[in-house]
Protein backbone atom coordinates (compact mmCIF):
# COMPACT_ATOMS: atom_id res chain seq x y z
CA UNK A 1 21.35 -19.04 67.99
CA UNK A 2 24.05 -16.94 69.76
CA UNK A 3 25.79 -18.82 72.53
CA UNK A 4 28.02 -17.25 75.16
CA UNK A 5 30.34 -19.55 76.83
CA UNK A 6 31.88 -18.69 80.24
CA UNK A 7 34.78 -21.09 81.08
CA UNK A 8 36.32 -19.33 84.03
CA UNK A 9 35.11 -17.32 86.99
CA UNK A 10 31.82 -17.66 88.96
CA UNK A 11 28.30 -16.77 87.92
CA UNK A 12 28.33 -13.82 90.37
CA UNK A 13 31.58 -12.38 88.77
CA UNK A 14 30.12 -12.70 85.41
CA UNK A 15 26.96 -10.91 86.43
CA UNK A 16 28.95 -8.04 88.03
CA UNK A 17 30.74 -7.31 84.76
CA UNK A 18 30.09 -3.91 83.13
CA UNK A 19 29.68 -5.31 79.70
CA UNK A 20 28.58 -8.86 78.84
CA UNK A 21 28.11 -10.15 75.44
CA UNK A 22 24.61 -10.25 73.93
CA UNK A 23 23.46 -13.85 73.61
CA UNK A 24 20.43 -16.15 73.33
CA UNK A 25 22.02 -18.59 75.66
CA UNK A 26 24.76 -18.24 78.26
CA UNK A 27 26.49 -21.53 79.18
CA UNK A 28 28.67 -21.94 82.25
CA UNK A 29 30.86 -24.79 83.37
CA UNK A 30 31.05 -26.25 86.83
CA UNK A 31 33.05 -23.34 88.37
CA UNK A 32 29.91 -21.01 87.98
CA UNK A 33 28.14 -22.22 91.08
CA UNK A 34 30.34 -24.91 92.64
CA UNK A 35 28.51 -26.94 95.40
CA UNK A 36 24.84 -26.51 95.76
CA UNK A 37 23.00 -28.05 98.69
CA UNK A 38 19.27 -28.51 98.03
CA UNK A 39 18.56 -28.44 101.76
CA UNK A 40 20.35 -25.15 102.26
CA UNK A 41 18.64 -23.68 99.10
CA UNK A 42 15.13 -24.70 100.43
CA UNK A 43 15.90 -23.16 103.86
CA UNK A 44 16.99 -19.97 102.22
CA UNK A 45 20.54 -20.18 103.60
CA UNK A 46 21.87 -19.98 99.94
CA UNK A 47 20.30 -18.56 96.77
CA UNK A 48 22.54 -19.98 94.00
CA UNK A 49 19.64 -21.19 91.90
CA UNK A 50 17.77 -17.92 92.43
CA UNK A 51 21.05 -16.19 91.14
CA UNK A 52 20.88 -18.15 87.88
CA UNK A 53 17.21 -17.25 87.51
CA UNK A 54 17.95 -13.52 88.12
CA UNK A 55 20.73 -13.50 85.55
CA UNK A 56 18.44 -14.99 82.94
CA UNK A 57 15.84 -12.31 83.80
CA UNK A 58 18.24 -9.46 83.60
CA UNK A 59 19.61 -10.56 80.31
CA UNK A 60 16.30 -11.90 79.01
CA UNK A 61 17.89 -15.06 77.70
CA UNK A 62 18.53 -18.67 78.73
CA UNK A 63 21.29 -19.66 81.22
CA UNK A 64 22.67 -22.94 81.66
CA UNK A 65 25.12 -23.42 84.68
CA UNK A 66 27.02 -26.42 85.93
CA UNK A 67 27.13 -27.33 89.56
CA UNK A 68 27.71 -30.14 92.06
CA UNK A 69 24.38 -30.78 93.86
CA UNK A 70 23.97 -32.32 97.21
CA UNK A 71 20.55 -33.90 98.22
CA UNK A 72 21.09 -34.96 101.92
CA UNK A 73 24.51 -36.50 101.19
CA UNK A 74 23.79 -37.80 97.61
CA UNK A 75 26.12 -35.93 95.47
CA UNK A 76 25.53 -35.40 91.64
CA UNK A 77 27.03 -33.54 88.77
CA UNK A 78 24.35 -31.37 87.56
CA UNK A 79 23.27 -28.43 85.20
CA UNK A 80 20.51 -25.96 86.25
CA UNK A 81 18.60 -24.20 83.33
CA UNK A 82 16.71 -21.04 83.61
CA UNK A 83 14.87 -18.73 81.21
CA UNK A 84 13.84 -15.19 81.81
CA UNK A 85 13.81 -15.54 85.53
CA UNK A 86 12.15 -19.07 85.70
CA UNK A 87 13.98 -22.18 86.52
CA UNK A 88 13.04 -24.78 83.81
CA UNK A 89 14.85 -27.70 85.48
CA UNK A 90 18.03 -29.41 86.57
CA UNK A 91 19.77 -32.16 84.46
CA UNK A 92 21.86 -34.70 86.28
CA UNK A 93 24.76 -36.99 85.14
CA UNK A 94 22.87 -40.02 83.84
CA UNK A 95 25.85 -42.56 83.85
CA UNK A 96 28.14 -43.32 86.79
CA UNK A 97 31.44 -44.94 85.83
CA UNK A 98 33.27 -47.51 88.13
CA UNK A 99 31.35 -46.34 91.29
CA UNK A 100 32.66 -42.79 91.22
CA UNK A 101 32.07 -40.15 93.88
CA UNK A 102 29.02 -38.79 92.14
CA UNK A 103 25.74 -40.66 91.91
CA UNK A 104 23.75 -40.82 88.67
CA UNK A 105 20.48 -38.89 88.40
CA UNK A 106 17.26 -39.41 86.54
CA UNK A 107 16.29 -38.95 82.95
CA UNK A 108 17.73 -37.04 80.06
CA UNK A 109 16.00 -33.67 79.41
CA UNK A 110 15.28 -31.43 76.58
CA UNK A 111 14.38 -27.76 77.41
CA UNK A 112 11.97 -26.04 75.00
CA UNK A 113 12.99 -22.38 75.24
CA UNK A 114 12.70 -19.22 73.15
CA UNK A 115 16.30 -19.87 71.84
CA UNK A 116 15.22 -23.37 70.60
CA UNK A 117 15.10 -26.94 72.00
CA UNK A 118 18.15 -27.46 74.06
CA UNK A 119 19.40 -30.92 74.97
CA UNK A 120 21.74 -30.82 77.94
CA UNK A 121 24.47 -33.32 78.57
CA UNK A 122 26.18 -33.38 81.88
CA UNK A 123 29.98 -34.15 82.13
CA UNK A 124 30.92 -37.79 81.35
CA UNK A 125 27.59 -38.52 79.72
CA UNK A 126 29.29 -37.23 76.61
CA UNK A 127 31.22 -40.56 76.65
CA UNK A 128 27.79 -42.49 76.16
CA UNK A 129 26.74 -41.81 72.42
CA UNK A 130 23.16 -43.04 73.28
CA UNK A 131 22.67 -39.83 75.32
CA UNK A 132 23.12 -37.62 72.31
CA UNK A 133 21.13 -40.05 70.16
CA UNK A 134 18.25 -39.88 72.47
CA UNK A 135 18.26 -36.13 72.45
CA UNK A 136 18.53 -36.05 68.64
CA UNK A 137 15.71 -38.58 68.14
CA UNK A 138 13.40 -36.65 70.63
CA UNK A 139 13.84 -33.32 68.83
CA UNK A 140 16.69 -31.26 70.32
CA UNK A 141 18.07 -28.73 68.05
CA UNK A 142 21.46 -28.37 69.77
CA UNK A 143 23.32 -30.27 72.48
CA UNK A 144 25.04 -28.27 75.23
CA UNK A 145 27.53 -30.31 77.27
CA UNK A 146 28.71 -28.92 80.60
CA UNK A 147 32.18 -30.59 81.24
CA UNK A 148 34.97 -30.36 83.73
CA UNK A 149 38.59 -30.45 82.45
CA UNK A 150 39.19 -31.77 79.00
CA UNK A 151 41.42 -34.60 78.12
CA UNK A 152 43.91 -34.55 75.32
CA UNK A 153 41.46 -34.59 72.41
CA UNK A 154 39.10 -37.39 73.45
CA UNK A 155 36.02 -35.07 74.16
CA UNK A 156 36.61 -33.18 70.90
CA UNK A 157 36.68 -36.50 69.04
CA UNK A 158 33.42 -37.71 70.69
CA UNK A 159 31.76 -34.32 70.12
CA UNK A 160 32.54 -34.44 66.40
CA UNK A 161 31.66 -37.97 65.93
CA UNK A 162 28.30 -37.65 67.78
CA UNK A 163 27.51 -34.52 65.88
CA UNK A 164 27.92 -36.36 62.60
CA UNK A 165 26.20 -39.55 63.61
CA UNK A 166 23.17 -38.05 65.00
CA UNK A 167 22.75 -34.99 62.94
CA UNK A 168 22.81 -32.42 65.72
CA UNK A 169 25.41 -29.65 66.58
CA UNK A 170 27.17 -30.35 69.94
CA UNK A 171 28.82 -27.72 72.07
CA UNK A 172 31.12 -28.38 75.06
CA UNK A 173 31.75 -25.81 77.82
CA UNK A 174 34.55 -26.87 80.04
CA UNK A 175 37.01 -25.47 82.53
CA UNK A 176 39.09 -23.12 80.42
CA UNK A 177 37.88 -24.18 76.89
CA UNK A 178 34.75 -23.97 74.73
CA UNK A 179 34.22 -25.80 71.44
CA UNK A 180 31.42 -26.73 69.06
CA UNK A 181 30.96 -29.02 66.09
CA UNK A 182 28.40 -28.97 63.23
CA UNK A 183 26.31 -31.85 61.78
CA UNK A 184 29.03 -32.74 59.32
CA UNK A 185 31.38 -33.45 62.16
CA UNK A 186 33.58 -30.48 61.59
CA UNK A 187 34.97 -28.33 64.42
CA UNK A 188 33.47 -24.94 63.93
CA UNK A 189 34.65 -23.18 67.11
CA UNK A 190 37.13 -23.58 69.65
CA UNK A 191 38.81 -20.97 72.06
CA UNK A 192 40.29 -20.70 75.59
CA UNK A 193 38.84 -17.11 75.89
CA UNK A 194 36.28 -16.46 78.44
CA UNK A 195 33.57 -15.12 77.93
CA UNK A 196 33.36 -16.06 74.12
CA UNK A 197 30.52 -16.03 71.73
CA UNK A 198 29.58 -18.52 68.97
CA UNK A 199 26.84 -17.96 66.44
CA UNK A 200 25.35 -21.39 65.90
CA UNK A 201 23.57 -22.21 62.64
CA UNK A 202 20.71 -24.63 63.42
CA UNK A 203 20.61 -27.37 60.88
CA UNK A 204 18.28 -30.24 60.47
CA UNK A 205 18.97 -32.75 57.73
CA UNK A 206 17.02 -35.97 57.37
CA UNK A 207 17.95 -39.12 55.27
CA UNK A 208 16.11 -42.46 54.54
CA UNK A 209 18.45 -45.20 55.87
CA UNK A 210 17.67 -48.85 54.84
CA UNK A 211 19.23 -51.99 56.49
CA UNK A 212 18.87 -55.66 56.12
CA UNK A 213 18.41 -57.73 59.28
CA UNK A 214 17.75 -61.36 59.97
CA UNK A 215 14.67 -62.18 61.82
CA UNK A 216 11.17 -60.53 61.98
CA UNK A 217 9.87 -63.54 60.21
CA UNK A 218 6.33 -63.25 58.95
CA UNK A 219 4.93 -66.79 58.39
CA UNK A 220 1.91 -67.46 56.17
CA UNK A 221 -1.01 -68.37 58.30
CA UNK A 222 -2.51 -71.79 57.77
CA UNK A 223 -5.54 -71.86 55.56
CA UNK A 224 -8.70 -73.56 56.90
């Protein structure tokens, strides 16, 4: 799976480039669309989601773009996913920390695309390992995390740990930097260049894990 990360500039600026890298998936951080009002989109006053769909149609691939959505004053961090001209859905941040400015959304989604089953993680959901664990258990082949600005190494540490723990490659596309880890927890890709391309090897490895737990007692039934 070839992934193109765009970590600077808007989606429109990228679409206007003379030469864009060939890729199965194009992933943008939050600068791609900025603020998106659902109300204005429905009224036809803006066409930001349509622009995402058109780009995926022109390039015949999958486009994942971060944005800040507004639903009648309820603001969320989100990522819109489109494939070959069709909007597949919008993923929202599922965990709100300490009553931040952005509300949490509903559910965690896997997108079944021609490029593979993509699990999308939005921003600080990377800090919650159960999100990546859920995506892995439910069959995602790769996790794409759309992030804002990275801190000093925290997100890379989490990305590598979650890749190793849950057996799924994790990629992070943030402001000014893109990186990826394989299922062994090794950092396989990292660059400030934009756009940049990473050829991801899809790996699926399963192991039988046994544990001992107290409880689950099965008592013999009384005989009559």
